[in-house]
């Protein structure tokens, strides 16, 4: 990337189906966590701080 921004390494849950067309992908960066829809990766990702992501994951794990 010419802007000096490092490329994000996107990953999806091992619970995602083998087709890979209905997944949420996550990229964890130093200061933020980025979330995107695997069906439309050209759309902007939802970005939140790492602390907020941790709270979300803990909440989801309790459900």
PDB file of N, CA and C in Angstrom:
ATOM      1  N   UNK A   1       0.841  -1.184   0.000  1.00  0.00           N
ATOM      2  CA  UNK A   1       0.000   0.000   0.000  1.00  0.00           C
ATOM      3  C   UNK A   1       0.879   1.237   0.000  1.00  0.00           C
ATOM      4  N   UNK A   2       0.551   2.176  -0.761  1.00  0.00           N
ATOM      5  CA  UNK A   2       1.384   3.368  -0.887  1.00  0.00           C
ATOM      6  C   UNK A   2       1.241   4.327   0.278  1.00  0.00           C
ATOM      7  N   UNK A   3       0.202   4.190   1.079  1.00  0.00           N
ATOM      8  CA  UNK A   3      -0.025   5.125   2.180  1.00  0.00           C
ATOM      9  C   UNK A   3       0.837   4.841   3.398  1.00  0.00           C
ATOM     10  N   UNK A   4       1.595   3.741   3.372  1.00  0.00           N
ATOM     11  CA  UNK A   4       2.402   3.388   4.522  1.00  0.00           C
ATOM     12  C   UNK A   4       1.629   2.595   5.559  1.00  0.00           C
ATOM     13  N   UNK A   5       0.359   2.331   5.304  1.00  0.00           N
ATOM     14  CA  UNK A   5      -0.456   1.543   6.215  1.00  0.00           C
ATOM     15  C   UNK A   5      -0.214   0.067   5.943  1.00  0.00           C
ATOM     16  N   UNK A   6       0.112  -0.711   6.972  1.00  0.00           N
ATOM     17  CA  UNK A   6       0.350  -2.134   6.738  1.00  0.00           C
ATOM     18  C   UNK A   6      -0.932  -2.852   6.317  1.00  0.00           C
ATOM     19  N   UNK A   7      -0.778  -3.850   5.482  1.00  0.00           N
ATOM     20  CA  UNK A   7      -1.907  -4.669   5.046  1.00  0.00           C
ATOM     21  C   UNK A   7      -2.436  -5.460   6.236  1.00  0.00           C
ATOM     22  N   UNK A   8      -3.748  -5.524   6.356  1.00  0.00           N
ATOM     23  CA  UNK A   8      -4.360  -6.268   7.453  1.00  0.00           C
ATOM     24  C   UNK A   8      -4.412  -7.755   7.117  1.00  0.00           C
ATOM     25  N   UNK A   9      -4.216  -8.605   8.113  1.00  0.00           N
ATOM     26  CA  UNK A   9      -4.315 -10.058   7.952  1.00  0.00           C
ATOM     27  C   UNK A   9      -5.696 -10.485   8.436  1.00  0.00           C
ATOM     28  N   UNK A  10      -6.589 -10.766   7.503  1.00  0.00           N
ATOM     29  CA  UNK A  10      -7.967 -11.121   7.824  1.00  0.00           C
ATOM     30  C   UNK A  10      -8.074 -12.605   8.117  1.00  0.00           C
ATOM     31  N   UNK A  11      -8.907 -12.950   9.102  1.00  0.00           N
ATOM     32  CA  UNK A  11      -9.158 -14.358   9.420  1.00  0.00           C
ATOM     33  C   UNK A  11     -10.631 -14.533   9.742  1.00  0.00           C
ATOM     34  N   UNK A  12     -11.096 -15.776   9.628  1.00  0.00           N
ATOM     35  CA  UNK A  12     -12.486 -16.066   9.967  1.00  0.00           C
ATOM     36  C   UNK A  12     -12.517 -17.222  10.954  1.00  0.00           C
ATOM     37  N   UNK A  13     -13.620 -17.370  11.612  1.00  0.00           N
ATOM     38  CA  UNK A  13     -13.790 -18.401  12.626  1.00  0.00           C
ATOM     39  C   UNK A  13     -13.691 -19.796  12.033  1.00  0.00           C
ATOM     40  N   UNK A  14     -13.146 -20.709  12.799  1.00  0.00           N
ATOM     41  CA  UNK A  14     -13.112 -22.107  12.366  1.00  0.00           C
ATOM     42  C   UNK A  14     -14.524 -22.694  12.343  1.00  0.00           C
ATOM     43  N   UNK A  15     -15.489 -22.002  12.938  1.00  0.00           N
ATOM     44  CA  UNK A  15     -16.884 -22.439  12.920  1.00  0.00           C
ATOM     45  C   UNK A  15     -17.593 -22.040  11.627  1.00  0.00           C
ATOM     46  N   UNK A  16     -16.938 -21.257  10.782  1.00  0.00           N
ATOM     47  CA  UNK A  16     -17.544 -20.835   9.525  1.00  0.00           C
ATOM     48  C   UNK A  16     -17.704 -22.047   8.609  1.00  0.00           C
ATOM     49  N   UNK A  17     -18.699 -22.001   7.768  1.00  0.00           N
ATOM     50  CA  UNK A  17     -18.946 -23.092   6.839  1.00  0.00           C
ATOM     51  C   UNK A  17     -17.834 -23.232   5.817  1.00  0.00           C
ATOM     52  N   UNK A  18     -17.780 -24.362   5.160  1.00  0.00           N
ATOM     53  CA  UNK A  18     -16.731 -24.630   4.184  1.00  0.00           C
ATOM     54  C   UNK A  18     -16.892 -23.808   2.915  1.00  0.00           C
ATOM     55  N   UNK A  19     -18.093 -23.284   2.654  1.00  0.00           N
ATOM     56  CA  UNK A  19     -18.308 -22.477   1.454  1.00  0.00           C
ATOM     57  C   UNK A  19     -17.639 -21.116   1.574  1.00  0.00           C
ATOM     58  N   UNK A  20     -17.534 -20.594   2.774  1.00  0.00           N
ATOM     59  CA  UNK A  20     -16.843 -19.327   3.001  1.00  0.00           C
ATOM     60  C   UNK A  20     -17.554 -18.098   2.492  1.00  0.00           C
ATOM     61  N   UNK A  21     -18.857 -18.205   2.217  1.00  0.00           N
ATOM     62  CA  UNK A  21     -19.547 -17.066   1.627  1.00  0.00           C
ATOM     63  C   UNK A  21     -20.452 -16.319   2.594  1.00  0.00           C
ATOM     64  N   UNK A  22     -20.543 -16.747   3.819  1.00  0.00           N
ATOM     65  CA  UNK A  22     -21.401 -16.075   4.803  1.00  0.00           C
ATOM     66  C   UNK A  22     -20.650 -15.932   6.114  1.00  0.00           C
ATOM     67  N   UNK A  23     -19.525 -15.277   6.064  1.00  0.00           N
ATOM     68  CA  UNK A  23     -18.656 -15.204   7.232  1.00  0.00           C
ATOM     69  C   UNK A  23     -18.382 -13.760   7.635  1.00  0.00           C
ATOM     70  N   UNK A  24     -18.039 -13.619   8.859  1.00  0.00           N
ATOM     71  CA  UNK A  24     -17.503 -12.368   9.356  1.00  0.00           C
ATOM     72  C   UNK A  24     -16.008 -12.594   9.494  1.00  0.00           C
ATOM     73  N   UNK A  25     -15.226 -11.671   8.961  1.00  0.00           N
ATOM     74  CA  UNK A  25     -13.783 -11.769   9.055  1.00  0.00           C
ATOM     75  C   UNK A  25     -13.264 -10.704  10.013  1.00  0.00           C
ATOM     76  N   UNK A  26     -12.182 -11.022  10.702  1.00  0.00           N
ATOM     77  CA  UNK A  26     -11.608 -10.130  11.699  1.00  0.00           C
ATOM     78  C   UNK A  26     -10.124  -9.944  11.413  1.00  0.00           C
ATOM     79  N   UNK A  27      -9.661  -8.722  11.571  1.00  0.00           N
ATOM     80  CA  UNK A  27      -8.232  -8.417  11.474  1.00  0.00           C
ATOM     81  C   UNK A  27      -7.848  -7.646  12.733  1.00  0.00           C
ATOM     82  N   UNK A  28      -6.893  -8.178  13.461  1.00  0.00           N
ATOM     83  CA  UNK A  28      -6.466  -7.542  14.707  1.00  0.00           C
ATOM     84  C   UNK A  28      -5.185  -6.763  14.440  1.00  0.00           C
ATOM     85  N   UNK A  29      -5.264  -5.469  14.666  1.00  0.00           N
ATOM     86  CA  UNK A  29      -4.113  -4.584  14.480  1.00  0.00           C
ATOM     87  C   UNK A  29      -3.629  -4.111  15.855  1.00  0.00           C
ATOM     88  N   UNK A  30      -2.568  -3.352  15.870  1.00  0.00           N
ATOM     89  CA  UNK A  30      -1.980  -2.906  17.134  1.00  0.00           C
ATOM     90  C   UNK A  30      -2.956  -2.091  17.976  1.00  0.00           C
ATOM     91  N   UNK A  31      -3.680  -1.168  17.363  1.00  0.00           N
ATOM     92  CA  UNK A  31      -4.557  -0.274  18.104  1.00  0.00           C
ATOM     93  C   UNK A  31      -6.037  -0.562  17.953  1.00  0.00           C
ATOM     94  N   UNK A  32      -6.427  -1.445  17.036  1.00  0.00           N
ATOM     95  CA  UNK A  32      -7.852  -1.639  16.759  1.00  0.00           C
ATOM     96  C   UNK A  32      -8.115  -3.037  16.213  1.00  0.00           C
ATOM     97  N   UNK A  33      -9.380  -3.397  16.226  1.00  0.00           N
ATOM     98  CA  UNK A  33      -9.845  -4.638  15.620  1.00  0.00           C
ATOM     99  C   UNK A  33     -10.814  -4.244  14.509  1.00  0.00           C
ATOM    100  N   UNK A  34     -10.646  -4.835  13.345  1.00  0.00           N
ATOM    101  CA  UNK A  34     -11.458  -4.528  12.174  1.00  0.00           C
ATOM    102  C   UNK A  34     -12.325  -5.740  11.867  1.00  0.00           C
ATOM    103  N   UNK A  35     -13.590  -5.514  11.547  1.00  0.00           N
ATOM    104  CA  UNK A  35     -14.534  -6.588  11.253  1.00  0.00           C
ATOM    105  C   UNK A  35     -15.191  -6.273   9.913  1.00  0.00           C
ATOM    106  N   UNK A  36     -15.292  -7.292   9.051  1.00  0.00           N
ATOM    107  CA  UNK A  36     -15.934  -7.078   7.755  1.00  0.00           C
ATOM    108  C   UNK A  36     -16.745  -8.305   7.349  1.00  0.00           C
ATOM    109  N   UNK A  37     -17.617  -8.092   6.394  1.00  0.00           N
ATOM    110  CA  UNK A  37     -18.461  -9.138   5.819  1.00  0.00           C
ATOM    111  C   UNK A  37     -17.684  -9.780   4.670  1.00  0.00           C
ATOM    112  N   UNK A  38     -17.500 -11.087   4.724  1.00  0.00           N
ATOM    113  CA  UNK A  38     -16.709 -11.753   3.687  1.00  0.00           C
ATOM    114  C   UNK A  38     -17.374 -11.722   2.310  1.00  0.00           C
ATOM    115  N   UNK A  39     -18.680 -11.481   2.267  1.00  0.00           N
ATOM    116  CA  UNK A  39     -19.379 -11.420   0.978  1.00  0.00           C
ATOM    117  C   UNK A  39     -19.101 -10.124   0.232  1.00  0.00           C
ATOM    118  N   UNK A  40     -18.675  -9.087   0.935  1.00  0.00           N
ATOM    119  CA  UNK A  40     -18.452  -7.788   0.302  1.00  0.00           C
ATOM    120  C   UNK A  40     -17.261  -7.095   0.958  1.00  0.00           C
ATOM    121  N   UNK A  41     -16.080  -7.554   0.625  1.00  0.00           N
ATOM    122  CA  UNK A  41     -14.870  -7.033   1.277  1.00  0.00           C
ATOM    123  C   UNK A  41     -14.494  -5.622   0.812  1.00  0.00           C
ATOM    124  N   UNK A  42     -15.173  -5.115  -0.206  1.00  0.00           N
ATOM    125  CA  UNK A  42     -14.895  -3.747  -0.664  1.00  0.00           C
ATOM    126  C   UNK A  42     -15.558  -2.704   0.229  1.00  0.00           C
ATOM    127  N   UNK A  43     -16.570  -3.106   0.976  1.00  0.00           N
ATOM    128  CA  UNK A  43     -17.224  -2.172   1.897  1.00  0.00           C
ATOM    129  C   UNK A  43     -16.288  -1.877   3.058  1.00  0.00           C
ATOM    130  N   UNK A  44     -16.409  -0.712   3.645  1.00  0.00           N
ATOM    131  CA  UNK A  44     -15.549  -0.378   4.789  1.00  0.00           C
ATOM    132  C   UNK A  44     -15.774  -1.347   5.955  1.00  0.00           C
ATOM    133  N   UNK A  45     -14.701  -1.654   6.627  1.00  0.00           N
ATOM    134  CA  UNK A  45     -14.779  -2.517   7.807  1.00  0.00           C
ATOM    135  C   UNK A  45     -15.282  -1.714   9.001  1.00  0.00           C
ATOM    136  N   UNK A  46     -15.924  -2.398   9.929  1.00  0.00           N
ATOM    137  CA  UNK A  46     -16.296  -1.818  11.215  1.00  0.00           C
ATOM    138  C   UNK A  46     -15.050  -1.911  12.088  1.00  0.00           C
ATOM    139  N   UNK A  47     -14.664  -0.821  12.721  1.00  0.00           N
ATOM    140  CA  UNK A  47     -13.437  -0.789  13.513  1.00  0.00           C
ATOM    141  C   UNK A  47     -13.743  -0.368  14.937  1.00  0.00           C
ATOM    142  N   UNK A  48     -13.119  -1.071  15.880  1.00  0.00           N
ATOM    143  CA  UNK A  48     -13.286  -0.722  17.296  1.00  0.00           C
ATOM    144  C   UNK A  48     -11.956  -0.918  18.000  1.00  0.00           C
ATOM    145  N   UNK A  49     -11.850  -0.319  19.168  1.00  0.00           N
ATOM    146  CA  UNK A  49     -10.648  -0.486  19.969  1.00  0.00           C
ATOM    147  C   UNK A  49     -10.533  -1.916  20.480  1.00  0.00           C
ATOM    148  N   UNK A  50      -9.319  -2.309  20.810  1.00  0.00           N
ATOM    149  CA  UNK A  50      -9.081  -3.678  21.282  1.00  0.00           C
ATOM    150  C   UNK A  50      -9.831  -3.959  22.585  1.00  0.00           C
ATOM    151  N   UNK A  51      -9.937  -2.966  23.444  1.00  0.00           N
ATOM    152  CA  UNK A  51     -10.655  -3.159  24.703  1.00  0.00           C
ATOM    153  C   UNK A  51     -12.136  -3.427  24.445  1.00  0.00           C
ATOM    154  N   UNK A  52     -12.736  -2.668  23.547  1.00  0.00           N
ATOM    155  CA  UNK A  52     -14.132  -2.879  23.182  1.00  0.00           C
ATOM    156  C   UNK A  52     -14.347  -4.248  22.567  1.00  0.00           C
ATOM    157  N   UNK A  53     -13.423  -4.686  21.733  1.00  0.00           N
ATOM    158  CA  UNK A  53     -13.514  -6.020  21.127  1.00  0.00           C
ATOM    159  C   UNK A  53     -13.476  -7.093  22.217  1.00  0.00           C
ATOM    160  N   UNK A  54     -12.592  -6.916  23.178  1.00  0.00           N
ATOM    161  CA  UNK A  54     -12.501  -7.880  24.281  1.00  0.00           C
ATOM    162  C   UNK A  54     -13.807  -7.969  25.058  1.00  0.00           C
ATOM    163  N   UNK A  55     -14.431  -6.836  25.305  1.00  0.00           N
ATOM    164  CA  UNK A  55     -15.731  -6.840  26.002  1.00  0.00           C
ATOM    165  C   UNK A  55     -16.786  -7.547  25.172  1.00  0.00           C
ATOM    166  N   UNK A  56     -16.798  -7.295  23.868  1.00  0.00           N
ATOM    167  CA  UNK A  56     -17.760  -7.951  22.986  1.00  0.00           C
ATOM    168  C   UNK A  56     -17.561  -9.473  22.988  1.00  0.00           C
ATOM    169  N   UNK A  57     -16.336  -9.926  22.869  1.00  0.00           N
ATOM    170  CA  UNK A  57     -16.061 -11.370  22.848  1.00  0.00           C
ATOM    171  C   UNK A  57     -16.475 -12.016  24.168  1.00  0.00           C
ATOM    172  N   UNK A  58     -16.189 -11.361  25.286  1.00  0.00           N
ATOM    173  CA  UNK A  58     -16.584 -11.920  26.585  1.00  0.00           C
ATOM    174  C   UNK A  58     -18.110 -11.997  26.684  1.00  0.00           C
ATOM    175  N   UNK A  59     -18.802 -10.961  26.224  1.00  0.00           N
ATOM    176  CA  UNK A  59     -20.265 -10.952  26.225  1.00  0.00           C
ATOM    177  C   UNK A  59     -20.810 -12.086  25.360  1.00  0.00           C
ATOM    178  N   UNK A  60     -20.272 -12.236  24.157  1.00  0.00           N
ATOM    179  CA  UNK A  60     -20.757 -13.268  23.241  1.00  0.00           C
ATOM    180  C   UNK A  60     -20.485 -14.670  23.792  1.00  0.00           C
ATOM    181  N   UNK A  61     -19.378 -14.846  24.483  1.00  0.00           N
ATOM    182  CA  UNK A  61     -19.034 -16.155  25.045  1.00  0.00           C
ATOM    183  C   UNK A  61     -20.010 -16.567  26.150  1.00  0.00           C
ATOM    184  N   UNK A  62     -20.610 -15.599  26.813  1.00  0.00           N
ATOM    185  CA  UNK A  62     -21.555 -15.906  27.888  1.00  0.00           C
ATOM    186  C   UNK A  62     -22.918 -16.341  27.357  1.00  0.00           C
ATOM    187  N   UNK A  63     -23.187 -16.105  26.102  1.00  0.00           N
ATOM    188  CA  UNK A  63     -24.500 -16.407  25.517  1.00  0.00           C
ATOM    189  C   UNK A  63     -24.593 -17.808  25.044  1.00  0.00           C
TER     190      UNK A  63
END
